[in-house]
């Protein structure tokens, strides 16, 4: 019985570690999306801080430039590389955020 209990606890620990790893990956992916949106909004001259922590906080200017290069964000056209659907979603999100700020 003790051996069976140990095996069960081992499985529980592995499951917990797997869940923690998945949560960490999800947070990293969400931060990546927020960083892209933040950079694009800044390049378009929009107010990009919406009551949340700055997603680029802690990155040096060189790291931000490298981030832009990796994600092919062109300073002259921040929407370059996005599909029409992604552009529509981005514009809709920015418009909703602008309206929310105006209502405050």
N, C-alpha and C. Protein backbone atom coordinates (compact mmCIF):
# COMPACT_ATOMS: atom_id res chain seq x y z
N UNK A 1 0.84 -1.20 0.00
CA UNK A 1 0.00 0.00 0.00
C UNK A 1 0.87 1.24 0.00
N UNK A 2 1.93 1.24 0.78
CA UNK A 2 2.81 2.41 0.84
C UNK A 2 3.44 2.68 -0.52
N UNK A 3 3.81 1.61 -1.22
CA UNK A 3 4.41 1.77 -2.55
C UNK A 3 3.39 2.36 -3.51
N UNK A 4 2.16 1.93 -3.43
CA UNK A 4 1.09 2.45 -4.27
C UNK A 4 0.84 3.94 -3.96
N UNK A 5 0.86 4.29 -2.69
CA UNK A 5 0.69 5.69 -2.29
C UNK A 5 1.81 6.55 -2.83
N UNK A 6 3.03 6.03 -2.81
CA UNK A 6 4.19 6.76 -3.32
C UNK A 6 4.04 6.99 -4.83
N UNK A 7 3.61 5.97 -5.55
CA UNK A 7 3.40 6.08 -7.01
C UNK A 7 2.33 7.13 -7.29
N UNK A 8 1.26 7.11 -6.51
CA UNK A 8 0.17 8.09 -6.71
C UNK A 8 0.68 9.50 -6.46
N UNK A 9 1.45 9.69 -5.38
CA UNK A 9 1.99 11.01 -5.09
C UNK A 9 2.94 11.47 -6.19
N UNK A 10 3.73 10.52 -6.70
CA UNK A 10 4.66 10.86 -7.78
C UNK A 10 3.90 11.34 -9.01
N UNK A 11 2.81 10.67 -9.34
CA UNK A 11 1.99 11.08 -10.48
C UNK A 11 1.37 12.44 -10.23
N UNK A 12 0.91 12.67 -9.00
CA UNK A 12 0.32 13.97 -8.66
C UNK A 12 1.35 15.09 -8.80
N UNK A 13 2.56 14.83 -8.36
CA UNK A 13 3.62 15.83 -8.47
C UNK A 13 3.94 16.10 -9.93
N UNK A 14 4.02 15.05 -10.73
CA UNK A 14 4.29 15.24 -12.17
C UNK A 14 3.18 16.02 -12.83
N UNK A 15 1.93 15.73 -12.47
CA UNK A 15 0.80 16.45 -13.03
C UNK A 15 0.84 17.92 -12.62
N UNK A 16 1.16 18.16 -11.36
CA UNK A 16 1.25 19.54 -10.88
C UNK A 16 2.37 20.30 -11.60
N UNK A 17 3.51 19.65 -11.78
CA UNK A 17 4.61 20.29 -12.50
C UNK A 17 4.23 20.57 -13.96
N UNK A 18 3.53 19.65 -14.56
CA UNK A 18 3.07 19.84 -15.95
C UNK A 18 2.11 21.02 -16.04
N UNK A 19 1.19 21.11 -15.09
CA UNK A 19 0.25 22.23 -15.08
C UNK A 19 0.97 23.56 -14.86
N UNK A 20 1.95 23.56 -13.98
CA UNK A 20 2.72 24.79 -13.74
C UNK A 20 3.50 25.20 -14.99
N UNK A 21 4.07 24.24 -15.67
CA UNK A 21 4.81 24.53 -16.90
C UNK A 21 3.88 25.08 -17.98
N UNK A 22 2.70 24.49 -18.11
CA UNK A 22 1.73 24.97 -19.09
C UNK A 22 1.29 26.40 -18.75
N UNK A 23 1.08 26.68 -17.48
CA UNK A 23 0.68 28.04 -17.07
C UNK A 23 1.79 29.03 -17.38
N UNK A 24 3.03 28.63 -17.15
CA UNK A 24 4.17 29.51 -17.43
C UNK A 24 4.27 29.79 -18.93
N UNK A 25 4.08 28.77 -19.76
CA UNK A 25 4.13 28.95 -21.21
C UNK A 25 2.99 29.87 -21.67
N UNK A 26 1.80 29.70 -21.07
CA UNK A 26 0.65 30.53 -21.43
C UNK A 26 0.91 31.99 -21.09
N UNK A 27 1.49 32.24 -19.91
CA UNK A 27 1.80 33.62 -19.51
C UNK A 27 2.83 34.23 -20.45
N UNK A 28 3.83 33.44 -20.84
CA UNK A 28 4.85 33.94 -21.77
C UNK A 28 4.23 34.27 -23.12
N UNK A 29 3.33 33.44 -23.59
CA UNK A 29 2.66 33.69 -24.88
C UNK A 29 1.80 34.95 -24.79
N UNK A 30 1.09 35.12 -23.68
CA UNK A 30 0.26 36.32 -23.50
C UNK A 30 1.12 37.58 -23.45
N UNK A 31 2.27 37.49 -22.77
CA UNK A 31 3.18 38.64 -22.70
C UNK A 31 3.69 38.98 -24.09
N UNK A 32 3.99 37.98 -24.88
CA UNK A 32 4.47 38.18 -26.25
C UNK A 32 3.43 38.96 -27.07
N UNK A 33 2.17 38.57 -26.95
CA UNK A 33 1.08 39.25 -27.67
C UNK A 33 0.96 40.69 -27.18
N UNK A 34 1.01 40.89 -25.87
CA UNK A 34 0.89 42.25 -25.32
C UNK A 34 2.06 43.12 -25.78
N UNK A 35 3.24 42.54 -25.86
CA UNK A 35 4.40 43.31 -26.33
C UNK A 35 4.22 43.74 -27.78
N UNK A 36 3.75 42.84 -28.62
CA UNK A 36 3.53 43.18 -30.03
C UNK A 36 2.51 44.31 -30.14
N UNK A 37 1.41 44.18 -29.41
CA UNK A 37 0.37 45.22 -29.45
C UNK A 37 0.92 46.55 -28.94
N UNK A 38 1.68 46.50 -27.90
CA UNK A 38 2.27 47.69 -27.28
C UNK A 38 3.18 48.42 -28.27
N UNK A 39 4.06 47.66 -28.91
CA UNK A 39 5.00 48.27 -29.87
C UNK A 39 4.23 48.86 -31.05
N UNK A 40 3.27 48.13 -31.57
CA UNK A 40 2.50 48.64 -32.71
C UNK A 40 1.74 49.91 -32.33
N UNK A 41 1.13 49.92 -31.16
CA UNK A 41 0.38 51.10 -30.73
C UNK A 41 1.31 52.29 -30.57
N UNK A 42 2.48 52.06 -29.99
CA UNK A 42 3.44 53.15 -29.82
C UNK A 42 3.87 53.71 -31.16
N UNK A 43 4.13 52.84 -32.12
CA UNK A 43 4.56 53.28 -33.44
C UNK A 43 3.47 54.05 -34.17
N UNK A 44 2.22 53.75 -33.82
CA UNK A 44 1.10 54.45 -34.47
C UNK A 44 0.69 55.70 -33.69
N UNK A 45 1.46 56.03 -32.65
CA UNK A 45 1.19 57.24 -31.88
C UNK A 45 -0.02 57.13 -30.98
N UNK A 46 -0.40 55.92 -30.60
CA UNK A 46 -1.55 55.73 -29.74
C UNK A 46 -1.11 55.58 -28.29
N UNK A 47 -2.05 55.86 -27.41
CA UNK A 47 -1.81 55.63 -25.99
C UNK A 47 -1.83 54.13 -25.78
N UNK A 48 -0.73 53.57 -25.37
CA UNK A 48 -0.62 52.12 -25.33
C UNK A 48 -0.64 51.55 -23.93
N UNK A 49 -0.63 52.38 -22.91
CA UNK A 49 -0.68 51.87 -21.55
C UNK A 49 -2.12 51.99 -21.07
N UNK A 50 -2.74 50.85 -20.81
CA UNK A 50 -4.16 50.81 -20.47
C UNK A 50 -4.36 50.29 -19.06
N UNK A 51 -3.71 50.87 -18.09
CA UNK A 51 -3.91 50.46 -16.72
C UNK A 51 -3.19 49.17 -16.35
N UNK A 52 -2.46 48.61 -17.26
CA UNK A 52 -1.70 47.39 -16.99
C UNK A 52 -0.23 47.74 -16.88
N UNK A 53 0.52 46.81 -16.37
CA UNK A 53 1.96 46.99 -16.33
C UNK A 53 2.50 47.07 -17.76
N UNK A 54 3.53 47.87 -17.93
CA UNK A 54 4.16 48.02 -19.24
C UNK A 54 4.78 46.69 -19.65
N UNK A 55 4.32 46.07 -20.74
CA UNK A 55 4.85 44.77 -21.14
C UNK A 55 6.31 44.83 -21.60
N UNK A 56 6.80 46.02 -21.88
CA UNK A 56 8.20 46.16 -22.31
C UNK A 56 9.11 46.55 -21.15
N UNK A 57 8.53 46.69 -19.98
CA UNK A 57 9.30 47.08 -18.80
C UNK A 57 10.40 46.05 -18.56
N UNK A 58 11.59 46.53 -18.34
CA UNK A 58 12.72 45.64 -18.10
C UNK A 58 13.53 45.34 -19.35
N UNK A 59 13.00 45.70 -20.52
CA UNK A 59 13.75 45.49 -21.76
C UNK A 59 14.53 46.76 -22.09
N UNK A 60 15.74 46.60 -22.53
CA UNK A 60 16.54 47.74 -22.95
C UNK A 60 16.06 48.17 -24.34
N UNK A 61 16.42 49.40 -24.77
CA UNK A 61 16.07 49.81 -26.13
C UNK A 61 16.59 48.83 -27.19
N UNK A 62 17.78 48.30 -26.98
CA UNK A 62 18.32 47.33 -27.94
C UNK A 62 17.48 46.05 -27.97
N UNK A 63 16.99 45.62 -26.80
CA UNK A 63 16.15 44.43 -26.75
C UNK A 63 14.80 44.68 -27.42
N UNK A 64 14.28 45.88 -27.29
CA UNK A 64 13.02 46.22 -27.95
C UNK A 64 13.20 46.21 -29.47
N UNK A 65 14.30 46.78 -29.93
CA UNK A 65 14.60 46.77 -31.37
C UNK A 65 14.74 45.33 -31.85
N UNK A 66 15.42 44.49 -31.09
CA UNK A 66 15.59 43.07 -31.46
C UNK A 66 14.22 42.38 -31.50
N UNK A 67 13.37 42.68 -30.52
CA UNK A 67 12.01 42.12 -30.49
C UNK A 67 11.26 42.50 -31.76
N UNK A 68 11.39 43.77 -32.16
CA UNK A 68 10.72 44.24 -33.38
C UNK A 68 11.27 43.52 -34.61
N UNK A 69 12.57 43.30 -34.64
CA UNK A 69 13.16 42.59 -35.77
C UNK A 69 12.68 41.14 -35.84
N UNK A 70 12.66 40.48 -34.70
CA UNK A 70 12.23 39.08 -34.64
C UNK A 70 10.80 38.93 -35.14
N UNK A 71 9.94 39.89 -34.74
CA UNK A 71 8.52 39.79 -35.09
C UNK A 71 8.16 40.61 -36.32
N UNK A 72 9.20 41.07 -37.02
CA UNK A 72 9.03 41.79 -38.29
C UNK A 72 8.05 42.95 -38.17
N UNK A 73 8.24 43.75 -37.11
CA UNK A 73 7.44 44.96 -36.92
C UNK A 73 8.23 46.11 -37.51
N UNK A 74 7.75 46.63 -38.62
CA UNK A 74 8.40 47.72 -39.34
C UNK A 74 7.94 49.06 -38.76
N UNK A 75 8.87 49.88 -38.28
CA UNK A 75 8.48 51.18 -37.71
C UNK A 75 7.70 52.06 -38.69
N UNK A 76 7.95 51.90 -39.98
CA UNK A 76 7.23 52.73 -40.95
C UNK A 76 5.82 52.19 -41.23
N UNK A 77 5.58 50.91 -40.95
CA UNK A 77 4.25 50.31 -41.13
C UNK A 77 4.06 49.23 -40.06
N UNK A 78 3.58 49.63 -38.87
CA UNK A 78 3.49 48.68 -37.77
C UNK A 78 2.52 47.53 -38.00
N UNK A 79 1.64 47.64 -38.99
CA UNK A 79 0.70 46.56 -39.26
C UNK A 79 1.20 45.61 -40.34
N UNK A 80 2.38 45.87 -40.86
CA UNK A 80 2.99 45.02 -41.87
C UNK A 80 3.12 43.60 -41.33
N UNK A 81 2.77 42.64 -42.15
CA UNK A 81 2.90 41.24 -41.76
C UNK A 81 1.65 40.67 -41.11
N UNK A 82 0.68 41.51 -40.79
CA UNK A 82 -0.56 41.02 -40.21
C UNK A 82 -1.55 40.66 -41.32
N UNK A 83 -2.34 39.66 -41.08
CA UNK A 83 -3.39 39.30 -42.04
C UNK A 83 -4.51 40.32 -41.94
N UNK A 84 -5.38 40.41 -42.94
CA UNK A 84 -6.51 41.35 -42.85
C UNK A 84 -7.36 41.12 -41.59
N UNK A 85 -7.54 39.86 -41.23
CA UNK A 85 -8.31 39.55 -40.03
C UNK A 85 -7.61 40.07 -38.77
N UNK A 86 -6.28 39.90 -38.72
CA UNK A 86 -5.52 40.38 -37.57
C UNK A 86 -5.56 41.91 -37.49
N UNK A 87 -5.50 42.56 -38.64
CA UNK A 87 -5.57 44.03 -38.66
C UNK A 87 -6.94 44.48 -38.17
N UNK A 88 -8.00 43.84 -38.65
CA UNK A 88 -9.35 44.19 -38.19
C UNK A 88 -9.48 44.01 -36.68
N UNK A 89 -8.99 42.88 -36.17
CA UNK A 89 -9.07 42.61 -34.73
C UNK A 89 -8.26 43.63 -33.95
N UNK A 90 -7.07 43.98 -34.46
CA UNK A 90 -6.22 44.95 -33.79
C UNK A 90 -6.90 46.32 -33.75
N UNK A 91 -7.42 46.76 -34.88
CA UNK A 91 -8.08 48.07 -34.95
C UNK A 91 -9.31 48.09 -34.05
N UNK A 92 -10.07 47.01 -34.06
CA UNK A 92 -11.26 46.93 -33.20
C UNK A 92 -10.88 47.02 -31.72
N UNK A 93 -9.84 46.31 -31.34
CA UNK A 93 -9.38 46.33 -29.94
C UNK A 93 -8.91 47.72 -29.55
N UNK A 94 -8.17 48.38 -30.44
CA UNK A 94 -7.68 49.73 -30.14
C UNK A 94 -8.84 50.71 -30.03
N UNK A 95 -9.83 50.57 -30.89
CA UNK A 95 -11.00 51.46 -30.86
C UNK A 95 -11.78 51.25 -29.57
N UNK A 96 -11.95 50.01 -29.17
CA UNK A 96 -12.66 49.71 -27.91
C UNK A 96 -11.91 50.30 -26.72
N UNK A 97 -10.59 50.20 -26.73
CA UNK A 97 -9.79 50.76 -25.64
C UNK A 97 -9.90 52.28 -25.62
N UNK A 98 -9.90 52.90 -26.81
CA UNK A 98 -10.03 54.37 -26.88
C UNK A 98 -11.37 54.80 -26.32
N UNK A 99 -12.43 54.11 -26.71
CA UNK A 99 -13.77 54.45 -26.23
C UNK A 99 -13.88 54.28 -24.72
N UNK A 100 -13.26 53.23 -24.20
CA UNK A 100 -13.28 52.99 -22.75
C UNK A 100 -12.56 54.12 -22.01
N UNK A 101 -11.45 54.58 -22.57
CA UNK A 101 -10.73 55.70 -21.94
C UNK A 101 -11.56 56.97 -21.97
N UNK A 102 -12.26 57.20 -23.06
CA UNK A 102 -13.09 58.41 -23.18
C UNK A 102 -14.26 58.39 -22.21
N UNK A 103 -14.77 57.20 -21.92
CA UNK A 103 -15.91 57.09 -21.01
C UNK A 103 -15.51 57.28 -19.55
N UNK A 104 -14.25 57.18 -19.26
CA UNK A 104 -13.80 57.32 -17.86
C UNK A 104 -13.79 58.73 -17.40
